[in-house]
Amino acid sequence: MEKITLEEFWNDKKSFAIHTKTKEQASLLCEAFKKMDKKWYKSEIHIHDRAWEIHEENGCYTNHGQFGDINKLKFFGYKIYEFENIDLTVKEKDDVNKKDISKEEEEGELGDK
């Protein structure tokens, strides 16, 4: 599969997801998202590795600020990229919001309200 940058991932209007097979991959991906100031769908909380805690090796993060199970996302027509095919190089934003993540209800799993 072709490689994609995080800029391309976030800026494309198509539905994309990145599959993380390990907690380490999920953490590295979420660190890169935080550098880009990416937040959960309809939230002010930065994206973090919650998908791993819920879906473990089946967890994916979408370019809509949500997470879900790889099989569910495939069913909904998401193009799935493996973590290894993502260029994690990002330019840090100067004004990154450094909120603590503590409220599960503010996170956005696919299929939530």
PDB file of N, CA and C in Angstrom:
ATOM      1  N   MET A   1       0.848  -1.187   0.000  1.00  0.00           N
ATOM      2  CA  MET A   1       0.000   0.000   0.000  1.00  0.00           C
ATOM      3  C   MET A   1       0.888   1.244   0.000  1.00  0.00           C
ATOM      4  N   GLU A   2       0.407   2.285  -0.642  1.00  0.00           N
ATOM      5  CA  GLU A   2       1.172   3.531  -0.708  1.00  0.00           C
ATOM      6  C   GLU A   2       1.242   4.213   0.654  1.00  0.00           C
ATOM      7  N   LYS A   3       2.270   5.031   0.812  1.00  0.00           N
ATOM      8  CA  LYS A   3       2.423   5.811   2.050  1.00  0.00           C
ATOM      9  C   LYS A   3       1.605   7.093   1.939  1.00  0.00           C
ATOM     10  N   ILE A   4       1.276   7.637   3.098  1.00  0.00           N
ATOM     11  CA  ILE A   4       0.511   8.880   3.155  1.00  0.00           C
ATOM     12  C   ILE A   4       1.074   9.724   4.304  1.00  0.00           C
ATOM     13  N   THR A   5       1.079  11.031   4.121  1.00  0.00           N
ATOM     14  CA  THR A   5       1.504  11.911   5.212  1.00  0.00           C
ATOM     15  C   THR A   5       0.293  12.210   6.094  1.00  0.00           C
ATOM     16  N   LEU A   6       0.561  12.678   7.301  1.00  0.00           N
ATOM     17  CA  LEU A   6      -0.547  13.056   8.181  1.00  0.00           C
ATOM     18  C   LEU A   6      -1.308  14.253   7.625  1.00  0.00           C
ATOM     19  N   GLU A   7      -0.620  15.145   6.955  1.00  0.00           N
ATOM     20  CA  GLU A   7      -1.300  16.288   6.315  1.00  0.00           C
ATOM     21  C   GLU A   7      -2.312  15.784   5.290  1.00  0.00           C
ATOM     22  N   GLU A   8      -1.881  14.839   4.446  1.00  0.00           N
ATOM     23  CA  GLU A   8      -2.790  14.273   3.439  1.00  0.00           C
ATOM     24  C   GLU A   8      -3.953  13.546   4.115  1.00  0.00           C
ATOM     25  N   PHE A   9      -3.647  12.799   5.155  1.00  0.00           N
ATOM     26  CA  PHE A   9      -4.665  12.058   5.902  1.00  0.00           C
ATOM     27  C   PHE A   9      -5.753  13.000   6.410  1.00  0.00           C
ATOM     28  N   TRP A  10      -5.366  14.094   7.053  1.00  0.00           N
ATOM     29  CA  TRP A  10      -6.336  15.007   7.657  1.00  0.00           C
ATOM     30  C   TRP A  10      -7.029  15.899   6.641  1.00  0.00           C
ATOM     31  N   ASN A  11      -6.378  16.205   5.533  1.00  0.00           N
ATOM     32  CA  ASN A  11      -6.947  17.168   4.589  1.00  0.00           C
ATOM     33  C   ASN A  11      -7.809  16.551   3.502  1.00  0.00           C
ATOM     34  N   ASP A  12      -7.810  15.244   3.361  1.00  0.00           N
ATOM     35  CA  ASP A  12      -8.610  14.600   2.323  1.00  0.00           C
ATOM     36  C   ASP A  12     -10.064  14.509   2.771  1.00  0.00           C
ATOM     37  N   LYS A  13     -10.985  14.697   1.857  1.00  0.00           N
ATOM     38  CA  LYS A  13     -12.409  14.629   2.193  1.00  0.00           C
ATOM     39  C   LYS A  13     -12.926  13.191   2.249  1.00  0.00           C
ATOM     40  N   LYS A  14     -12.143  12.242   1.731  1.00  0.00           N
ATOM     41  CA  LYS A  14     -12.537  10.837   1.801  1.00  0.00           C
ATOM     42  C   LYS A  14     -12.408  10.347   3.238  1.00  0.00           C
ATOM     43  N   SER A  15     -13.036   9.237   3.541  1.00  0.00           N
ATOM     44  CA  SER A  15     -12.984   8.659   4.886  1.00  0.00           C
ATOM     45  C   SER A  15     -11.788   7.721   5.003  1.00  0.00           C
ATOM     46  N   PHE A  16     -10.799   8.145   5.801  1.00  0.00           N
ATOM     47  CA  PHE A  16      -9.584   7.374   6.027  1.00  0.00           C
ATOM     48  C   PHE A  16      -9.494   6.983   7.495  1.00  0.00           C
ATOM     49  N   ALA A  17      -8.756   5.908   7.756  1.00  0.00           N
ATOM     50  CA  ALA A  17      -8.455   5.500   9.132  1.00  0.00           C
ATOM     51  C   ALA A  17      -7.048   4.922   9.160  1.00  0.00           C
ATOM     52  N   ILE A  18      -6.407   5.064  10.310  1.00  0.00           N
ATOM     53  CA  ILE A  18      -5.083   4.489  10.525  1.00  0.00           C
ATOM     54  C   ILE A  18      -5.219   3.388  11.566  1.00  0.00           C
ATOM     55  N   HIS A  19      -4.770   2.186  11.190  1.00  0.00           N
ATOM     56  CA  HIS A  19      -4.846   1.015  12.057  1.00  0.00           C
ATOM     57  C   HIS A  19      -3.571   0.929  12.889  1.00  0.00           C
ATOM     58  N   THR A  20      -3.715   0.832  14.199  1.00  0.00           N
ATOM     59  CA  THR A  20      -2.575   0.659  15.100  1.00  0.00           C
ATOM     60  C   THR A  20      -2.679  -0.714  15.760  1.00  0.00           C
ATOM     61  N   LYS A  21      -1.656  -1.543  15.550  1.00  0.00           N
ATOM     62  CA  LYS A  21      -1.678  -2.913  16.068  1.00  0.00           C
ATOM     63  C   LYS A  21      -1.138  -3.032  17.479  1.00  0.00           C
ATOM     64  N   THR A  22      -0.449  -1.984  17.960  1.00  0.00           N
ATOM     65  CA  THR A  22       0.138  -2.032  19.297  1.00  0.00           C
ATOM     66  C   THR A  22      -0.152  -0.729  20.041  1.00  0.00           C
ATOM     67  N   LYS A  23      -0.061  -0.780  21.358  1.00  0.00           N
ATOM     68  CA  LYS A  23      -0.244   0.429  22.164  1.00  0.00           C
ATOM     69  C   LYS A  23       0.839   1.454  21.826  1.00  0.00           C
ATOM     70  N   GLU A  24       2.051   0.989  21.567  1.00  0.00           N
ATOM     71  CA  GLU A  24       3.140   1.896  21.200  1.00  0.00           C
ATOM     72  C   GLU A  24       2.809   2.656  19.912  1.00  0.00           C
ATOM     73  N   GLN A  25       2.289   1.954  18.908  1.00  0.00           N
ATOM     74  CA  GLN A  25       1.895   2.625  17.668  1.00  0.00           C
ATOM     75  C   GLN A  25       0.807   3.651  17.929  1.00  0.00           C
ATOM     76  N   ALA A  26      -0.188   3.277  18.729  1.00  0.00           N
ATOM     77  CA  ALA A  26      -1.283   4.200  19.045  1.00  0.00           C
ATOM     78  C   ALA A  26      -0.741   5.447  19.743  1.00  0.00           C
ATOM     79  N   SER A  27       0.170   5.257  20.680  1.00  0.00           N
ATOM     80  CA  SER A  27       0.741   6.388  21.411  1.00  0.00           C
ATOM     81  C   SER A  27       1.544   7.295  20.490  1.00  0.00           C
ATOM     82  N   LEU A  28       2.362   6.720  19.612  1.00  0.00           N
ATOM     83  CA  LEU A  28       3.154   7.520  18.670  1.00  0.00           C
ATOM     84  C   LEU A  28       2.254   8.307  17.719  1.00  0.00           C
ATOM     85  N   LEU A  29       1.208   7.659  17.233  1.00  0.00           N
ATOM     86  CA  LEU A  29       0.281   8.334  16.334  1.00  0.00           C
ATOM     87  C   LEU A  29      -0.415   9.490  17.041  1.00  0.00           C
ATOM     88  N   CYS A  30      -0.873   9.257  18.247  1.00  0.00           N
ATOM     89  CA  CYS A  30      -1.575  10.298  18.997  1.00  0.00           C
ATOM     90  C   CYS A  30      -0.654  11.460  19.372  1.00  0.00           C
ATOM     91  N   GLU A  31       0.616  11.177  19.624  1.00  0.00           N
ATOM     92  CA  GLU A  31       1.582  12.248  19.868  1.00  0.00           C
ATOM     93  C   GLU A  31       1.696  13.137  18.631  1.00  0.00           C
ATOM     94  N   ALA A  32       1.750  12.517  17.461  1.00  0.00           N
ATOM     95  CA  ALA A  32       1.827  13.279  16.215  1.00  0.00           C
ATOM     96  C   ALA A  32       0.544  14.091  16.008  1.00  0.00           C
ATOM     97  N   PHE A  33      -0.615  13.506  16.308  1.00  0.00           N
ATOM     98  CA  PHE A  33      -1.881  14.238  16.194  1.00  0.00           C
ATOM     99  C   PHE A  33      -1.887  15.451  17.122  1.00  0.00           C
ATOM    100  N   LYS A  34      -1.366  15.273  18.334  1.00  0.00           N
ATOM    101  CA  LYS A  34      -1.339  16.377  19.293  1.00  0.00           C
ATOM    102  C   LYS A  34      -0.457  17.507  18.778  1.00  0.00           C
ATOM    103  N   LYS A  35       0.680  17.165  18.161  1.00  0.00           N
ATOM    104  CA  LYS A  35       1.556  18.190  17.578  1.00  0.00           C
ATOM    105  C   LYS A  35       0.825  18.990  16.505  1.00  0.00           C
ATOM    106  N   MET A  36      -0.153  18.348  15.858  1.00  0.00           N
ATOM    107  CA  MET A  36      -0.946  19.012  14.816  1.00  0.00           C
ATOM    108  C   MET A  36      -2.169  19.714  15.413  1.00  0.00           C
ATOM    109  N   ASP A  37      -2.344  19.615  16.718  1.00  0.00           N
ATOM    110  CA  ASP A  37      -3.475  20.201  17.432  1.00  0.00           C
ATOM    111  C   ASP A  37      -4.806  19.557  17.039  1.00  0.00           C
ATOM    112  N   LYS A  38      -4.788  18.253  16.774  1.00  0.00           N
ATOM    113  CA  LYS A  38      -6.004  17.531  16.400  1.00  0.00           C
ATOM    114  C   LYS A  38      -6.748  17.102  17.650  1.00  0.00           C
ATOM    115  N   LYS A  39      -8.062  17.248  17.601  1.00  0.00           N
ATOM    116  CA  LYS A  39      -8.913  16.958  18.753  1.00  0.00           C
ATOM    117  C   LYS A  39     -10.014  15.980  18.350  1.00  0.00           C
ATOM    118  N   TRP A  40     -10.626  15.384  19.389  1.00  0.00           N
ATOM    119  CA  TRP A  40     -11.750  14.487  19.132  1.00  0.00           C
ATOM    120  C   TRP A  40     -12.881  15.253  18.446  1.00  0.00           C
ATOM    121  N   TYR A  41     -13.659  14.545  17.673  1.00  0.00           N
ATOM    122  CA  TYR A  41     -14.825  15.093  16.995  1.00  0.00           C
ATOM    123  C   TYR A  41     -15.722  15.814  18.002  1.00  0.00           C
ATOM    124  N   LYS A  42     -16.053  17.053  17.707  1.00  0.00           N
ATOM    125  CA  LYS A  42     -16.924  17.882  18.546  1.00  0.00           C
ATOM    126  C   LYS A  42     -16.400  18.015  19.977  1.00  0.00           C
ATOM    127  N   SER A  43     -15.088  18.151  20.134  1.00  0.00           N
ATOM    128  CA  SER A  43     -14.504  18.247  21.466  1.00  0.00           C
ATOM    129  C   SER A  43     -13.302  19.175  21.448  1.00  0.00           C
ATOM    130  N   GLU A  44     -12.891  19.589  22.601  1.00  0.00           N
ATOM    131  CA  GLU A  44     -11.684  20.399  22.755  1.00  0.00           C
ATOM    132  C   GLU A  44     -10.547  19.578  23.344  1.00  0.00           C
ATOM    133  N   ILE A  45     -10.737  18.274  23.448  1.00  0.00           N
ATOM    134  CA  ILE A  45      -9.724  17.393  24.019  1.00  0.00           C
ATOM    135  C   ILE A  45      -8.895  16.784  22.897  1.00  0.00           C
ATOM    136  N   HIS A  46      -7.578  16.807  23.067  1.00  0.00           N
ATOM    137  CA  HIS A  46      -6.683  16.231  22.060  1.00  0.00           C
ATOM    138  C   HIS A  46      -6.899  14.720  21.937  1.00  0.00           C
ATOM    139  N   ILE A  47      -6.725  14.242  20.731  1.00  0.00           N
ATOM    140  CA  ILE A  47      -6.839  12.809  20.470  1.00  0.00           C
ATOM    141  C   ILE A  47      -5.733  12.078  21.229  1.00  0.00           C
ATOM    142  N   HIS A  48      -6.084  10.973  21.885  1.00  0.00           N
ATOM    143  CA  HIS A  48      -5.117  10.176  22.640  1.00  0.00           C
ATOM    144  C   HIS A  48      -5.366   8.700  22.339  1.00  0.00           C
ATOM    145  N   ASP A  49      -4.631   7.818  22.987  1.00  0.00           N
ATOM    146  CA  ASP A  49      -4.656   6.404  22.622  1.00  0.00           C
ATOM    147  C   ASP A  49      -5.810   5.605  23.230  1.00  0.00           C
ATOM    148  N   ARG A  50      -6.950   6.204  23.381  1.00  0.00           N
ATOM    149  CA  ARG A  50      -8.143   5.541  23.935  1.00  0.00           C
ATOM    150  C   ARG A  50      -8.600   4.360  23.067  1.00  0.00           C
ATOM    151  N   ALA A  51      -8.442   4.456  21.767  1.00  0.00           N
ATOM    152  CA  ALA A  51      -8.871   3.365  20.887  1.00  0.00           C
ATOM    153  C   ALA A  51      -8.150   2.072  21.241  1.00  0.00           C
ATOM    154  N   TRP A  52      -6.877   2.191  21.607  1.00  0.00           N
ATOM    155  CA  TRP A  52      -6.132   0.992  21.986  1.00  0.00           C
ATOM    156  C   TRP A  52      -6.747   0.359  23.236  1.00  0.00           C
ATOM    157  N   GLU A  53      -7.100   1.164  24.200  1.00  0.00           N
ATOM    158  CA  GLU A  53      -7.667   0.643  25.441  1.00  0.00           C
ATOM    159  C   GLU A  53      -8.987  -0.087  25.201  1.00  0.00           C
ATOM    160  N   ILE A  54      -9.719   0.333  24.205  1.00  0.00           N
ATOM    161  CA  ILE A  54     -11.035  -0.256  23.923  1.00  0.00           C
ATOM    162  C   ILE A  54     -10.954  -1.372  22.878  1.00  0.00           C
ATOM    163  N   HIS A  55     -10.254  -1.105  21.771  1.00  0.00           N
ATOM    164  CA  HIS A  55     -10.246  -2.043  20.643  1.00  0.00           C
ATOM    165  C   HIS A  55      -8.951  -2.832  20.490  1.00  0.00           C
ATOM    166  N   GLU A  56      -7.939  -2.490  21.271  1.00  0.00           N
ATOM    167  CA  GLU A  56      -6.626  -3.125  21.228  1.00  0.00           C
ATOM    168  C   GLU A  56      -6.115  -3.233  19.795  1.00  0.00           C
ATOM    169  N   GLU A  57      -5.676  -4.425  19.346  1.00  0.00           N
ATOM    170  CA  GLU A  57      -5.035  -4.543  18.023  1.00  0.00           C
ATOM    171  C   GLU A  57      -5.992  -4.293  16.863  1.00  0.00           C
ATOM    172  N   ASN A  58      -7.273  -4.112  17.117  1.00  0.00           N
ATOM    173  CA  ASN A  58      -8.241  -3.797  16.061  1.00  0.00           C
ATOM    174  C   ASN A  58      -8.567  -2.307  16.001  1.00  0.00           C
ATOM    175  N   GLY A  59      -7.901  -1.490  16.825  1.00  0.00           N
ATOM    176  CA  GLY A  59      -8.210  -0.066  16.906  1.00  0.00           C
ATOM    177  C   GLY A  59      -7.706   0.756  15.737  1.00  0.00           C
ATOM    178  N   CYS A  60      -8.524   1.717  15.333  1.00  0.00           N
ATOM    179  CA  CYS A  60      -8.183   2.646  14.249  1.00  0.00           C
ATOM    180  C   CYS A  60      -8.597   4.061  14.648  1.00  0.00           C
ATOM    181  N   TYR A  61      -7.896   5.035  14.086  1.00  0.00           N
ATOM    182  CA  TYR A  61      -8.200   6.451  14.273  1.00  0.00           C
ATOM    183  C   TYR A  61      -8.588   7.022  12.923  1.00  0.00           C
ATOM    184  N   THR A  62      -9.690   7.772  12.867  1.00  0.00           N
ATOM    185  CA  THR A  62     -10.175   8.298  11.592  1.00  0.00           C
ATOM    186  C   THR A  62      -9.740   9.741  11.370  1.00  0.00           C
ATOM    187  N   ASN A  63      -9.860  10.180  10.121  1.00  0.00           N
ATOM    188  CA  ASN A  63      -9.559  11.576   9.795  1.00  0.00           C
ATOM    189  C   ASN A  63     -10.761  12.476  10.085  1.00  0.00           C
ATOM    190  N   HIS A  64     -11.706  11.969  10.855  1.00  0.00           N
ATOM    191  CA  HIS A  64     -12.847  12.758  11.325  1.00  0.00           C
ATOM    192  C   HIS A  64     -12.782  12.967  12.836  1.00  0.00           C
ATOM    193  N   GLY A  65     -11.634  12.596  13.441  1.00  0.00           N
ATOM    194  CA  GLY A  65     -11.482  12.784  14.882  1.00  0.00           C
ATOM    195  C   GLY A  65     -12.219  11.761  15.708  1.00  0.00           C
ATOM    196  N   GLN A  66     -12.374  10.561  15.165  1.00  0.00           N
ATOM    197  CA  GLN A  66     -13.066   9.489  15.880  1.00  0.00           C
ATOM    198  C   GLN A  66     -12.184   8.248  15.905  1.00  0.00           C
ATOM    199  N   PHE A  67     -12.623   7.215  16.595  1.00  0.00           N
ATOM    200  CA  PHE A  67     -11.922   5.946  16.579  1.00  0.00           C
ATOM    201  C   PHE A  67     -12.935   4.830  16.486  1.00  0.00           C
ATOM    202  N   GLY A  68     -12.467   3.656  16.113  1.00  0.00           N
ATOM    203  CA  GLY A  68     -13.371   2.522  16.021  1.00  0.00           C
ATOM    204  C   GLY A  68     -12.631   1.242  15.695  1.00  0.00           C
ATOM    205  N   ASP A  69     -13.381   0.167  15.648  1.00  0.00           N
ATOM    206  CA  ASP A  69     -12.859  -1.145  15.300  1.00  0.00           C
ATOM    207  C   ASP A  69     -12.607  -1.213  13.802  1.00  0.00           C
ATOM    208  N   ILE A  70     -11.501  -1.811  13.399  1.00  0.00           N
ATOM    209  CA  ILE A  70     -11.125  -1.877  11.988  1.00  0.00           C
ATOM    210  C   ILE A  70     -12.236  -2.493  11.127  1.00  0.00           C
ATOM    211  N   ASN A  71     -12.890  -3.535  11.621  1.00  0.00           N
ATOM    212  CA  ASN A  71     -13.938  -4.194  10.832  1.00  0.00           C
ATOM    213  C   ASN A  71     -15.159  -3.296  10.655  1.00  0.00           C
ATOM    214  N   LYS A  72     -15.507  -2.569  11.685  1.00  0.00           N
ATOM    215  CA  LYS A  72     -16.631  -1.631  11.621  1.00  0.00           C
ATOM    216  C   LYS A  72     -16.327  -0.509  10.614  1.00  0.00           C
ATOM    217  N   LEU A  73     -15.092   0.003  10.661  1.00  0.00           N
ATOM    218  CA  LEU A  73     -14.712   1.080   9.749  1.00  0.00           C
ATOM    219  C   LEU A  73     -14.668   0.598   8.305  1.00  0.00           C
ATOM    220  N   LYS A  74     -14.198  -0.617   8.083  1.00  0.00           N
ATOM    221  CA  LYS A  74     -14.216  -1.187   6.724  1.00  0.00           C
ATOM    222  C   LYS A  74     -15.659  -1.284   6.231  1.00  0.00           C
ATOM    223  N   PHE A  75     -16.554  -1.741   7.104  1.00  0.00           N
ATOM    224  CA  PHE A  75     -17.964  -1.854   6.759  1.00  0.00           C
ATOM    225  C   PHE A  75     -18.538  -0.508   6.314  1.00  0.00           C
ATOM    226  N   PHE A  76     -18.125   0.580   7.002  1.00  0.00           N
ATOM    227  CA  PHE A  76     -18.605   1.922   6.664  1.00  0.00           C
ATOM    228  C   PHE A  76     -17.856   2.545   5.485  1.00  0.00           C
ATOM    229  N   GLY A  77     -16.944   1.797   4.870  1.00  0.00           N
ATOM    230  CA  GLY A  77     -16.281   2.257   3.654  1.00  0.00           C
ATOM    231  C   GLY A  77     -15.012   3.073   3.854  1.00  0.00           C
ATOM    232  N   TYR A  78     -14.438   3.056   5.044  1.00  0.00           N
ATOM    233  CA  TYR A  78     -13.184   3.767   5.286  1.00  0.00           C
ATOM    234  C   TYR A  78     -12.031   3.059   4.585  1.00  0.00           C
ATOM    235  N   LYS A  79     -11.122   3.845   4.025  1.00  0.00           N
ATOM    236  CA  LYS A  79      -9.878   3.294   3.511  1.00  0.00           C
ATOM    237  C   LYS A  79      -8.940   3.197   4.704  1.00  0.00           C
ATOM    238  N   ILE A  80      -8.419   1.993   4.951  1.00  0.00           N
ATOM    239  CA  ILE A  80      -7.584   1.746   6.122  1.00  0.00           C
ATOM    240  C   ILE A  80      -6.109   1.783   5.726  1.00  0.00           C
ATOM    241  N   TYR A  81      -5.348   2.600   6.427  1.00  0.00           N
ATOM    242  CA  TYR A  81      -3.900   2.640   6.275  1.00  0.00           C
ATOM    243  C   TYR A  81      -3.283   1.968   7.491  1.00  0.00           C
ATOM    244  N   GLU A  82      -2.284   1.149   7.267  1.00  0.00           N
ATOM    245  CA  GLU A  82      -1.539   0.566   8.372  1.00  0.00           C
ATOM    246  C   GLU A  82      -0.574   1.619   8.908  1.00  0.00           C
ATOM    247  N   PHE A  83      -0.300   1.563  10.193  1.00  0.00           N
ATOM    248  CA  PHE A  83       0.586   2.512  10.851  1.00  0.00           C
ATOM    249  C   PHE A  83       1.919   2.635  10.106  1.00  0.00           C
ATOM    250  N   GLU A  84       2.449   1.527   9.637  1.00  0.00           N
ATOM    251  CA  GLU A  84       3.739   1.509   8.946  1.00  0.00           C
ATOM    252  C   GLU A  84       3.734   2.338   7.668  1.00  0.00           C
ATOM    253  N   ASN A  85       2.563   2.618   7.121  1.00  0.00           N
ATOM    254  CA  ASN A  85       2.444   3.366   5.864  1.00  0.00           C
ATOM    255  C   ASN A  85       2.151   4.842   6.081  1.00  0.00           C
ATOM    256  N   ILE A  86       2.358   5.325   7.310  1.00  0.00           N
ATOM    257  CA  ILE A  86       2.092   6.722   7.638  1.00  0.00           C
ATOM    258  C   ILE A  86       3.403   7.446   7.887  1.00  0.00           C
ATOM    259  N   ASP A  87       3.573   8.598   7.247  1.00  0.00           N
ATOM    260  CA  ASP A  87       4.713   9.465   7.530  1.00  0.00           C
ATOM    261  C   ASP A  87       4.302  10.355   8.700  1.00  0.00           C
ATOM    262  N   LEU A  88       4.915  10.133   9.857  1.00  0.00           N
ATOM    263  CA  LEU A  88       4.534  10.845  11.078  1.00  0.00           C
ATOM    264  C   LEU A  88       5.183  12.219  11.218  1.00  0.00           C
ATOM    265  N   THR A  89       5.949  12.644  10.237  1.00  0.00           N
ATOM    266  CA  THR A  89       6.606  13.942  10.312  1.00  0.00           C
ATOM    267  C   THR A  89       5.560  15.052  10.284  1.00  0.00           C
ATOM    268  N   VAL A  90       5.580  15.905  11.320  1.00  0.00           N
ATOM    269  CA  VAL A  90       4.626  17.022  11.387  1.00  0.00           C
ATOM    270  C   VAL A  90       5.328  18.283  11.841  1.00  0.00           C
ATOM    271  N   LYS A  91       4.752  19.404  11.459  1.00  0.00           N
ATOM    272  CA  LYS A  91       5.192  20.702  11.956  1.00  0.00           C
ATOM    273  C   LYS A  91       4.335  21.012  13.165  1.00  0.00           C
ATOM    274  N   GLU A  92       4.986  21.308  14.286  1.00  0.00           N
ATOM    275  CA  GLU A  92       4.235  21.604  15.500  1.00  0.00           C
ATOM    276  C   GLU A  92       3.542  22.948  15.398  1.00  0.00           C
ATOM    277  N   LYS A  93       2.324  23.001  15.923  1.00  0.00           N
ATOM    278  CA  LYS A  93       1.596  24.268  16.021  1.00  0.00           C
ATOM    279  C   LYS A  93       2.099  25.005  17.253  1.00  0.00           C
ATOM    280  N   ASP A  94       2.173  26.315  17.167  1.00  0.00           N
ATOM    281  CA  ASP A  94       2.652  27.118  18.289  1.00  0.00           C
ATOM    282  C   ASP A  94       1.665  27.155  19.438  1.00  0.00           C
ATOM    283  N   ASP A  95       0.387  27.040  19.119  1.00  0.00           N
ATOM    284  CA  ASP A  95      -0.634  27.226  20.145  1.00  0.00           C
ATOM    285  C   ASP A  95      -1.330  25.923  20.519  1.00  0.00           C
ATOM    286  N   VAL A  96      -0.576  24.862  20.732  1.00  0.00           N
ATOM    287  CA  VAL A  96      -1.181  23.577  21.080  1.00  0.00           C
ATOM    288  C   VAL A  96      -1.874  23.694  22.435  1.00  0.00           C
ATOM    289  N   ASN A  97      -3.133  23.276  22.458  1.00  0.00           N
ATOM    290  CA  ASN A  97      -3.926  23.286  23.688  1.00  0.00           C
ATOM    291  C   ASN A  97      -3.515  22.085  24.526  1.00  0.00           C
ATOM    292  N   LYS A  98      -3.073  22.285  25.761  1.00  0.00           N
ATOM    293  CA  LYS A  98      -2.538  21.203  26.590  1.00  0.00           C
ATOM    294  C   LYS A  98      -3.511  20.801  27.690  1.00  0.00           C
ATOM    295  N   LYS A  99      -4.716  20.405  27.317  1.00  0.00           N
ATOM    296  CA  LYS A  99      -5.707  19.962  28.299  1.00  0.00           C
ATOM    297  C   LYS A  99      -5.432  18.526  28.726  1.00  0.00           C
ATOM    298  N   ASP A 100      -5.784  18.206  29.952  1.00  0.00           N
ATOM    299  CA  ASP A 100      -5.722  16.834  30.425  1.00  0.00           C
ATOM    300  C   ASP A 100      -6.905  16.073  29.851  1.00  0.00           C
ATOM    301  N   ILE A 101      -6.681  14.821  29.558  1.00  0.00           N
ATOM    302  CA  ILE A 101      -7.762  13.978  29.078  1.00  0.00           C
ATOM    303  C   ILE A 101      -8.291  13.198  30.266  1.00  0.00           C
ATOM    304  N   SER A 102      -9.544  13.474  30.655  1.00  0.00           N
ATOM    305  CA  SER A 102     -10.074  12.777  31.808  1.00  0.00           C
ATOM    306  C   SER A 102     -11.538  12.392  31.656  1.00  0.00           C
ATOM    307  N   LYS A 103     -12.228  12.906  30.659  1.00  0.00           N
ATOM    308  CA  LYS A 103     -13.658  12.633  30.541  1.00  0.00           C
ATOM    309  C   LYS A 103     -13.929  11.749  29.336  1.00  0.00           C
ATOM    310  N   GLU A 104     -14.189  10.481  29.581  1.00  0.00           N
ATOM    311  CA  GLU A 104     -14.442   9.539  28.509  1.00  0.00           C
ATOM    312  C   GLU A 104     -15.634   9.973  27.657  1.00  0.00           C
ATOM    313  N   GLU A 105     -16.646  10.582  28.261  1.00  0.00           N
ATOM    314  CA  GLU A 105     -17.837  10.952  27.513  1.00  0.00           C
ATOM    315  C   GLU A 105     -17.573  12.056  26.493  1.00  0.00           C
ATOM    316  N   GLU A 106     -16.445  12.739  26.585  1.00  0.00           N
ATOM    317  CA  GLU A 106     -16.127  13.778  25.624  1.00  0.00           C
ATOM    318  C   GLU A 106     -15.345  13.236  24.421  1.00  0.00           C
ATOM    319  N   GLU A 107     -15.032  11.951  24.434  1.00  0.00           N
ATOM    320  CA  GLU A 107     -14.302  11.335  23.350  1.00  0.00           C
ATOM    321  C   GLU A 107     -15.282  10.890  22.277  1.00  0.00           C
ATOM    322  N   GLY A 108     -14.786  10.672  21.091  1.00  0.00           N
ATOM    323  CA  GLY A 108     -15.695  10.367  20.004  1.00  0.00           C
ATOM    324  C   GLY A 108     -15.482   9.037  19.347  1.00  0.00           C
ATOM    325  N   GLU A 109     -16.126   7.988  19.840  1.00  0.00           N
ATOM    326  CA  GLU A 109     -16.067   6.709  19.153  1.00  0.00           C
ATOM    327  C   GLU A 109     -17.100   6.727  18.038  1.00  0.00           C
ATOM    328  N   LEU A 110     -16.738   6.141  16.903  1.00  0.00           N
ATOM    329  CA  LEU A 110     -17.639   6.079  15.765  1.00  0.00           C
ATOM    330  C   LEU A 110     -18.947   5.431  16.197  1.00  0.00           C
ATOM    331  N   GLY A 111     -20.027   6.051  15.858  1.00  0.00           N
ATOM    332  CA  GLY A 111     -21.341   5.541  16.221  1.00  0.00           C
ATOM    333  C   GLY A 111     -21.945   6.242  17.407  1.00  0.00           C
ATOM    334  N   ASP A 112     -21.132   7.059  18.115  1.00  0.00           N
ATOM    335  CA  ASP A 112     -21.681   7.849  19.215  1.00  0.00           C
ATOM    336  C   ASP A 112     -22.542   8.955  18.640  1.00  0.00           C
ATOM    337  N   LYS A 113     -23.312   9.565  19.467  1.00  0.00           N
ATOM    338  CA  LYS A 113     -24.235  10.637  19.082  1.00  0.00           C
ATOM    339  C   LYS A 113     -23.712  11.471  18.006  1.00  0.00           C
TER     340      LYS A 113
END
